[in-house]
C-alpha atoms as a PDB file:
ATOM      1  CA  UNK A   1      11.223  -8.185 -17.878  1.00  0.00           C
ATOM      2  CA  UNK A   2       8.126  -7.754 -15.843  1.00  0.00           C
ATOM      3  CA  UNK A   3       8.628  -5.185 -12.981  1.00  0.00           C
ATOM      4  CA  UNK A   4       6.934  -4.540  -9.803  1.00  0.00           C
ATOM      5  CA  UNK A   5       7.038  -1.850  -6.915  1.00  0.00           C
ATOM      6  CA  UNK A   6       5.542  -2.687  -3.563  1.00  0.00           C
ATOM      7  CA  UNK A   7       4.910   0.111  -1.304  1.00  0.00           C
ATOM      8  CA  UNK A   8       3.898  -0.200   2.243  1.00  0.00           C
ATOM      9  CA  UNK A   9       1.710   1.788   4.452  1.00  0.00           C
ATOM     10  CA  UNK A  10       2.324   3.776   7.774  1.00  0.00           C
ATOM     11  CA  UNK A  11       4.218   1.968  10.669  1.00  0.00           C
ATOM     12  CA  UNK A  12       5.190  -0.973   8.186  1.00  0.00           C
ATOM     13  CA  UNK A  13       8.319  -1.994   6.581  1.00  0.00           C
ATOM     14  CA  UNK A  14       9.507  -3.443   3.205  1.00  0.00           C
ATOM     15  CA  UNK A  15       9.952  -7.040   4.974  1.00  0.00           C
ATOM     16  CA  UNK A  16       6.121  -7.212   5.434  1.00  0.00           C
ATOM     17  CA  UNK A  17       6.068  -7.972   1.618  1.00  0.00           C
ATOM     18  CA  UNK A  18       8.861 -10.354   1.982  1.00  0.00           C
ATOM     19  CA  UNK A  19       6.671 -13.454   0.984  1.00  0.00           C
ATOM     20  CA  UNK A  20       4.802 -11.370  -2.086  1.00  0.00           C
ATOM     21  CA  UNK A  21       8.252 -10.424  -3.176  1.00  0.00           C
ATOM     22  CA  UNK A  22       9.751 -13.853  -3.065  1.00  0.00           C
ATOM     23  CA  UNK A  23       6.932 -15.395  -4.914  1.00  0.00           C
ATOM     24  CA  UNK A  24       6.928 -12.835  -7.721  1.00  0.00           C
ATOM     25  CA  UNK A  25      10.699 -13.146  -8.060  1.00  0.00           C
ATOM     26  CA  UNK A  26      10.634 -16.719  -8.243  1.00  0.00           C
ATOM     27  CA  UNK A  27       8.051 -16.318 -11.320  1.00  0.00           C
ATOM     28  CA  UNK A  28      10.784 -13.941 -13.156  1.00  0.00           C
ATOM     29  CA  UNK A  29       9.716 -10.540 -12.153  1.00  0.00           C
ATOM     30  CA  UNK A  30      11.793  -7.910 -11.090  1.00  0.00           C
ATOM     31  CA  UNK A  31      10.651  -6.624  -7.652  1.00  0.00           C
ATOM     32  CA  UNK A  32      11.525  -3.318  -5.842  1.00  0.00           C
ATOM     33  CA  UNK A  33      10.351  -2.616  -2.136  1.00  0.00           C
ATOM     34  CA  UNK A  34      11.441   0.945  -1.336  1.00  0.00           C
ATOM     35  CA  UNK A  35      11.924   1.815   2.312  1.00  0.00           C
ATOM     36  CA  UNK A  36       9.420   4.665   3.493  1.00  0.00           C
ATOM     37  CA  UNK A  37       9.784   6.407   6.746  1.00  0.00           C
ATOM     38  CA  UNK A  38      11.552   9.563   5.051  1.00  0.00           C
ATOM     39  CA  UNK A  39       9.709  11.877   7.064  1.00  0.00           C
ATOM     40  CA  UNK A  40       7.084  13.592   4.648  1.00  0.00           C
ATOM     41  CA  UNK A  41       4.829  12.466   2.008  1.00  0.00           C
ATOM     42  CA  UNK A  42       7.084  14.103  -0.784  1.00  0.00           C
ATOM     43  CA  UNK A  43      10.117  12.342   0.704  1.00  0.00           C
ATOM     44  CA  UNK A  44       8.418   9.221   0.549  1.00  0.00           C
ATOM     45  CA  UNK A  45       7.079   9.696  -2.843  1.00  0.00           C
ATOM     46  CA  UNK A  46      10.634  10.595  -4.053  1.00  0.00           C
ATOM     47  CA  UNK A  47      11.900   7.341  -2.631  1.00  0.00           C
ATOM     48  CA  UNK A  48       9.378   5.369  -4.726  1.00  0.00           C
ATOM     49  CA  UNK A  49       9.737   7.497  -7.705  1.00  0.00           C
ATOM     50  CA  UNK A  50      13.581   6.739  -7.479  1.00  0.00           C
ATOM     51  CA  UNK A  51      12.494   2.740  -7.440  1.00  0.00           C
ATOM     52  CA  UNK A  52      10.315   3.417 -10.567  1.00  0.00           C
ATOM     53  CA  UNK A  53      12.584   5.249 -12.470  1.00  0.00           C
ATOM     54  CA  UNK A  54      15.410   2.408 -12.062  1.00  0.00           C
ATOM     55  CA  UNK A  55      13.495  -0.259 -13.463  1.00  0.00           C
ATOM     56  CA  UNK A  56      13.848  -1.153 -17.167  1.00  0.00           C
ATOM     57  CA  UNK A  57      10.330  -0.553 -18.181  1.00  0.00           C
ATOM     58  CA  UNK A  58       7.037   0.730 -16.664  1.00  0.00           C
ATOM     59  CA  UNK A  59       6.388  -1.218 -13.452  1.00  0.00           C
ATOM     60  CA  UNK A  60       3.069  -2.355 -11.616  1.00  0.00           C
ATOM     61  CA  UNK A  61       3.183  -0.020  -8.586  1.00  0.00           C
ATOM     62  CA  UNK A  62       1.229  -1.288  -5.715  1.00  0.00           C
ATOM     63  CA  UNK A  63       0.468   0.814  -2.582  1.00  0.00           C
ATOM     64  CA  UNK A  64      -1.168  -0.461   0.564  1.00  0.00           C
ATOM     65  CA  UNK A  65      -2.891   1.852   2.987  1.00  0.00           C
ATOM     66  CA  UNK A  66      -1.029   5.225   3.233  1.00  0.00           C
ATOM     67  CA  UNK A  67       1.062   4.092   0.565  1.00  0.00           C
ATOM     68  CA  UNK A  68      -1.808   5.031  -1.976  1.00  0.00           C
ATOM     69  CA  UNK A  69      -1.109   8.477  -1.176  1.00  0.00           C
ATOM     70  CA  UNK A  70       2.642   8.019  -1.946  1.00  0.00           C
ATOM     71  CA  UNK A  71       2.055   6.102  -5.461  1.00  0.00           C
ATOM     72  CA  UNK A  72      -0.756   8.639  -6.424  1.00  0.00           C
ATOM     73  CA  UNK A  73       2.143  10.962  -6.710  1.00  0.00           C
ATOM     74  CA  UNK A  74       4.465   8.822  -8.915  1.00  0.00           C
ATOM     75  CA  UNK A  75       5.138   9.370 -12.556  1.00  0.00           C
ATOM     76  CA  UNK A  76       5.916   6.541 -15.206  1.00  0.00           C
ATOM     77  CA  UNK A  77       3.892   3.425 -13.710  1.00  0.00           C
ATOM     78  CA  UNK A  78       2.448   0.967 -16.154  1.00  0.00           C
ATOM     79  CA  UNK A  79      -0.477   0.373 -13.847  1.00  0.00           C
ATOM     80  CA  UNK A  80      -1.443   1.479  -9.989  1.00  0.00           C
ATOM     81  CA  UNK A  81      -2.811  -0.991  -7.798  1.00  0.00           C
ATOM     82  CA  UNK A  82      -4.415   0.499  -4.557  1.00  0.00           C
ATOM     83  CA  UNK A  83      -4.856  -2.191  -1.965  1.00  0.00           C
ATOM     84  CA  UNK A  84      -6.917  -0.921   0.923  1.00  0.00           C
ATOM     85  CA  UNK A  85      -5.391   2.172   0.134  1.00  0.00           C
ATOM     86  CA  UNK A  86      -6.012   5.948  -0.016  1.00  0.00           C
ATOM     87  CA  UNK A  87      -6.928   7.687  -3.470  1.00  0.00           C
ATOM     88  CA  UNK A  88      -6.379  11.149  -2.771  1.00  0.00           C
ATOM     89  CA  UNK A  89      -7.860  13.749  -5.032  1.00  0.00           C
ATOM     90  CA  UNK A  90      -6.540  17.388  -5.633  1.00  0.00           C
ATOM     91  CA  UNK A  91      -6.136  19.008  -2.156  1.00  0.00           C
ATOM     92  CA  UNK A  92      -7.084  15.505  -0.342  1.00  0.00           C
ATOM     93  CA  UNK A  93      -4.902  13.609   2.076  1.00  0.00           C
ATOM     94  CA  UNK A  94      -5.137  10.282   3.678  1.00  0.00           C
ATOM     95  CA  UNK A  95      -6.234  11.840   7.055  1.00  0.00           C
ATOM     96  CA  UNK A  96      -8.696  14.236   5.093  1.00  0.00           C
ATOM     97  CA  UNK A  97     -10.384  11.274   3.673  1.00  0.00           C
ATOM     98  CA  UNK A  98     -11.130   9.369   6.793  1.00  0.00           C
ATOM     99  CA  UNK A  99      -7.842   7.951   7.971  1.00  0.00           C
ATOM    100  CA  UNK A 100      -7.439   5.603  10.606  1.00  0.00           C
ATOM    101  CA  UNK A 101     -10.830   4.000  12.087  1.00  0.00           C
ATOM    102  CA  UNK A 102     -11.624   4.329  15.576  1.00  0.00           C
ATOM    103  CA  UNK A 103      -9.933   0.881  16.544  1.00  0.00           C
ATOM    104  CA  UNK A 104      -6.812   1.917  14.921  1.00  0.00           C
ATOM    105  CA  UNK A 105      -6.864   5.613  16.354  1.00  0.00           C
ATOM    106  CA  UNK A 106      -7.022   3.693  19.905  1.00  0.00           C
ATOM    107  CA  UNK A 107      -4.039   1.524  19.303  1.00  0.00           C
ATOM    108  CA  UNK A 108      -1.686   4.593  18.377  1.00  0.00           C
ATOM    109  CA  UNK A 109       0.372   5.963  21.068  1.00  0.00           C
ATOM    110  CA  UNK A 110       2.438   8.876  21.190  1.00  0.00           C
ATOM    111  CA  UNK A 111       6.619   8.451  21.777  1.00  0.00           C
ATOM    112  CA  UNK A 112       8.840  10.645  23.458  1.00  0.00           C
ATOM    113  CA  UNK A 113      10.620  11.777  20.240  1.00  0.00           C
ATOM    114  CA  UNK A 114       7.393  12.952  18.543  1.00  0.00           C
ATOM    115  CA  UNK A 115       6.738  10.159  16.787  1.00  0.00           C
ATOM    116  CA  UNK A 116       3.859   7.450  17.012  1.00  0.00           C
ATOM    117  CA  UNK A 117       3.903   3.773  17.272  1.00  0.00           C
ATOM    118  CA  UNK A 118       1.092   0.998  17.521  1.00  0.00           C
ATOM    119  CA  UNK A 119       0.403  -0.876  20.661  1.00  0.00           C
ATOM    120  CA  UNK A 120       1.707  -4.596  19.875  1.00  0.00           C
ATOM    121  CA  UNK A 121      -1.339  -5.947  22.177  1.00  0.00           C
ATOM    122  CA  UNK A 122      -3.935  -4.181  19.871  1.00  0.00           C
ATOM    123  CA  UNK A 123      -2.213  -4.138  16.614  1.00  0.00           C
ATOM    124  CA  UNK A 124      -2.871  -8.015  15.423  1.00  0.00           C
ATOM    125  CA  UNK A 125      -6.423  -7.608  15.901  1.00  0.00           C
ATOM    126  CA  UNK A 126      -6.702  -4.737  13.882  1.00  0.00           C
ATOM    127  CA  UNK A 127      -4.355  -5.079  11.185  1.00  0.00           C
ATOM    128  CA  UNK A 128      -3.748  -9.166  10.730  1.00  0.00           C
ATOM    129  CA  UNK A 129      -6.944 -10.438  12.255  1.00  0.00           C
ATOM    130  CA  UNK A 130      -7.595 -12.907   9.677  1.00  0.00           C
ATOM    131  CA  UNK A 131      -3.719 -14.209   9.797  1.00  0.00           C
ATOM    132  CA  UNK A 132      -2.780 -17.309  11.435  1.00  0.00           C
ATOM    133  CA  UNK A 133      -1.229 -16.539  14.846  1.00  0.00           C
ATOM    134  CA  UNK A 134       2.372 -17.043  13.867  1.00  0.00           C
ATOM    135  CA  UNK A 135       2.075 -14.788  10.823  1.00  0.00           C
ATOM    136  CA  UNK A 136       0.371 -12.093  12.673  1.00  0.00           C
ATOM    137  CA  UNK A 137       2.929 -12.093  15.647  1.00  0.00           C
ATOM    138  CA  UNK A 138       5.750 -11.908  12.882  1.00  0.00           C
ATOM    139  CA  UNK A 139       3.963  -8.950  11.198  1.00  0.00           C
ATOM    140  CA  UNK A 140       3.597  -7.129  14.567  1.00  0.00           C
ATOM    141  CA  UNK A 141       7.302  -7.616  15.632  1.00  0.00           C
ATOM    142  CA  UNK A 142       8.045  -5.781  12.287  1.00  0.00           C
ATOM    143  CA  UNK A 143       6.216  -2.700  12.985  1.00  0.00           C
ATOM    144  CA  UNK A 144       7.991   0.421  13.479  1.00  0.00           C
ATOM    145  CA  UNK A 145       7.645   3.883  14.863  1.00  0.00           C
ATOM    146  CA  UNK A 146       6.272   6.488  12.388  1.00  0.00           C
ATOM    147  CA  UNK A 147       7.172  10.356  12.004  1.00  0.00           C
ATOM    148  CA  UNK A 148       3.853  12.449  12.273  1.00  0.00           C
ATOM    149  CA  UNK A 149       2.530  14.307   9.941  1.00  0.00           C
ATOM    150  CA  UNK A 150       2.719  11.726   6.575  1.00  0.00           C
ATOM    151  CA  UNK A 151      -0.870  10.984   6.690  1.00  0.00           C
ATOM    152  CA  UNK A 152      -1.802  14.547   6.434  1.00  0.00           C
ATOM    153  CA  UNK A 153       0.411  14.979   3.264  1.00  0.00           C
ATOM    154  CA  UNK A 154      -1.237  16.050   0.091  1.00  0.00           C
ATOM    155  CA  UNK A 155      -0.020  14.547  -3.288  1.00  0.00           C
ATOM    156  CA  UNK A 156       1.451  17.166  -5.635  1.00  0.00           C
ATOM    157  CA  UNK A 157       0.120  15.024  -8.809  1.00  0.00           C
ATOM    158  CA  UNK A 158      -2.676  12.427  -9.291  1.00  0.00           C
ATOM    159  CA  UNK A 159      -1.460   9.712 -11.518  1.00  0.00           C
ATOM    160  CA  UNK A 160      -4.620   7.664 -11.072  1.00  0.00           C
ATOM    161  CA  UNK A 161      -6.016  10.207 -13.456  1.00  0.00           C
ATOM    162  CA  UNK A 162      -3.658   9.223 -16.134  1.00  0.00           C
ATOM    163  CA  UNK A 163      -2.297   5.781 -15.580  1.00  0.00           C
ATOM    164  CA  UNK A 164      -4.373   2.576 -15.553  1.00  0.00           C
ATOM    165  CA  UNK A 165      -5.603   1.565 -11.915  1.00  0.00           C
ATOM    166  CA  UNK A 166      -7.011  -1.104 -10.131  1.00  0.00           C
ATOM    167  CA  UNK A 167      -8.481  -0.810  -6.506  1.00  0.00           C
ATOM    168  CA  UNK A 168      -8.721  -3.813  -4.022  1.00  0.00           C
ATOM    169  CA  UNK A 169     -11.436  -3.312  -1.418  1.00  0.00           C
ATOM    170  CA  UNK A 170     -10.595  -5.313   1.738  1.00  0.00           C
ATOM    171  CA  UNK A 171     -14.251  -6.066   2.917  1.00  0.00           C
ATOM    172  CA  UNK A 172     -13.456  -7.103   6.341  1.00  0.00           C
ATOM    173  CA  UNK A 173     -10.772  -4.354   7.258  1.00  0.00           C
ATOM    174  CA  UNK A 174     -10.639  -3.047  10.737  1.00  0.00           C
ATOM    175  CA  UNK A 175      -8.232  -0.244  10.082  1.00  0.00           C
ATOM    176  CA  UNK A 176      -9.594   1.490   7.024  1.00  0.00           C
ATOM    177  CA  UNK A 177     -13.357   1.374   6.519  1.00  0.00           C
ATOM    178  CA  UNK A 178     -14.540  -0.840   3.574  1.00  0.00           C
ATOM    179  CA  UNK A 179     -16.970   1.829   2.944  1.00  0.00           C
ATOM    180  CA  UNK A 180     -14.511   4.410   2.512  1.00  0.00           C
ATOM    181  CA  UNK A 181     -12.464   1.962   0.347  1.00  0.00           C
ATOM    182  CA  UNK A 182     -15.451   1.495  -1.840  1.00  0.00           C
ATOM    183  CA  UNK A 183     -15.851   5.401  -2.471  1.00  0.00           C
ATOM    184  CA  UNK A 184     -12.137   5.603  -3.371  1.00  0.00           C
ATOM    185  CA  UNK A 185     -12.309   2.660  -5.451  1.00  0.00           C
ATOM    186  CA  UNK A 186     -14.721   4.397  -7.602  1.00  0.00           C
ATOM    187  CA  UNK A 187     -11.916   6.556  -8.519  1.00  0.00           C
ATOM    188  CA  UNK A 188      -9.952   3.751 -10.223  1.00  0.00           C
ATOM    189  CA  UNK A 189     -10.477   2.170 -13.444  1.00  0.00           C
ATOM    190  CA  UNK A 190     -11.395  -1.319 -12.122  1.00  0.00           C
ATOM    191  CA  UNK A 191     -12.118  -2.494  -8.756  1.00  0.00           C
ATOM    192  CA  UNK A 192     -12.005  -5.986  -6.902  1.00  0.00           C
ATOM    193  CA  UNK A 193     -13.378  -6.934  -3.730  1.00  0.00           C
ATOM    194  CA  UNK A 194     -11.696  -9.595  -1.257  1.00  0.00           C
ATOM    195  CA  UNK A 195     -12.950 -10.740   1.964  1.00  0.00           C
ATOM    196  CA  UNK A 196      -9.884 -10.233   3.733  1.00  0.00           C
ATOM    197  CA  UNK A 197      -8.782  -7.961   6.585  1.00  0.00           C
ATOM    198  CA  UNK A 198      -6.267  -4.997   6.107  1.00  0.00           C
ATOM    199  CA  UNK A 199      -3.151  -7.112   5.249  1.00  0.00           C
ATOM    200  CA  UNK A 200      -3.832  -9.749   2.859  1.00  0.00           C
ATOM    201  CA  UNK A 201      -0.149  -9.666   1.858  1.00  0.00           C
ATOM    202  CA  UNK A 202       0.598 -11.329   5.303  1.00  0.00           C
ATOM    203  CA  UNK A 203      -2.418 -13.612   5.622  1.00  0.00           C
ATOM    204  CA  UNK A 204      -3.176 -14.368   1.866  1.00  0.00           C
ATOM    205  CA  UNK A 205      -0.143 -13.622  -0.260  1.00  0.00           C
ATOM    206  CA  UNK A 206      -1.317 -15.740  -3.088  1.00  0.00           C
ATOM    207  CA  UNK A 207      -4.208 -13.445  -3.649  1.00  0.00           C
ATOM    208  CA  UNK A 208      -1.695 -10.529  -4.131  1.00  0.00           C
ATOM    209  CA  UNK A 209       0.716 -12.509  -6.239  1.00  0.00           C
ATOM    210  CA  UNK A 210      -1.965 -13.594  -8.719  1.00  0.00           C
ATOM    211  CA  UNK A 211      -3.376  -9.959  -8.937  1.00  0.00           C
ATOM    212  CA  UNK A 212      -0.159  -8.774  -9.765  1.00  0.00           C
ATOM    213  CA  UNK A 213       0.780 -11.310 -12.284  1.00  0.00           C
ATOM    214  CA  UNK A 214      -2.652 -10.706 -14.028  1.00  0.00           C
ATOM    215  CA  UNK A 215      -1.749  -7.148 -14.258  1.00  0.00           C
ATOM    216  CA  UNK A 216       1.688  -7.740 -15.243  1.00  0.00           C
ATOM    217  CA  UNK A 217       0.558  -9.836 -18.047  1.00  0.00           C
ATOM    218  CA  UNK A 218      -2.068  -7.018 -19.474  1.00  0.00           C
ATOM    219  CA  UNK A 219       0.553  -4.325 -19.075  1.00  0.00           C
ATOM    220  CA  UNK A 220       3.311  -6.179 -20.893  1.00  0.00           C
ATOM    221  CA  UNK A 221       0.811  -7.101 -23.759  1.00  0.00           C
ATOM    222  CA  UNK A 222      -0.808  -3.788 -23.999  1.00  0.00           C
ATOM    223  CA  UNK A 223       0.279  -1.412 -26.841  1.00  0.00           C
ATOM    224  CA  UNK A 224       3.043   0.886 -25.910  1.00  0.00           C
ATOM    225  CA  UNK A 225       1.758   4.411 -25.152  1.00  0.00           C
END
């Protein structure tokens, strides 16, 4: 059976991938969407590794934004997909690569417990600016507080050097600079560019589903490694 793991970014939840996951499952794929927010990059990576290990065969593993740092450290995937995501090399972190845009930084607010969250009045225009208003409002409502320091985490391994990888540049992104995305895309075996904002899984899930189905087909028919 075809298998996919969807990895969300900072402030997000698995529910943000609900439409993509539902469409993939309807096509016969087995889909896992692990919850991050484990407190650190190593802990988040361990949660995704457990999801990958639980699947019956090597999965196509997609990481969005910070989720790219997470999937970089995962072993045993069949293909890695970086969606407007960070592709750290040795000693690098998402924050060190450039992290949040000035717009996104302005939307981050400190919480009394030391966590941070995004201002709802600003988040939609940064993360979901090309989504219909009802979808953007739902996505903003799902956002949650984020433990500090995850974006400064440095992956212990760099699986994009060993596993086939595809980078998707979101050319109208207001959260992660598309120029930075193109630079990171050069580290991957393949690159695509979509004229979308930061979160196509919310506004244009068909694009994400079709890419994953394409990669699933190629992974399933490739010679065993």
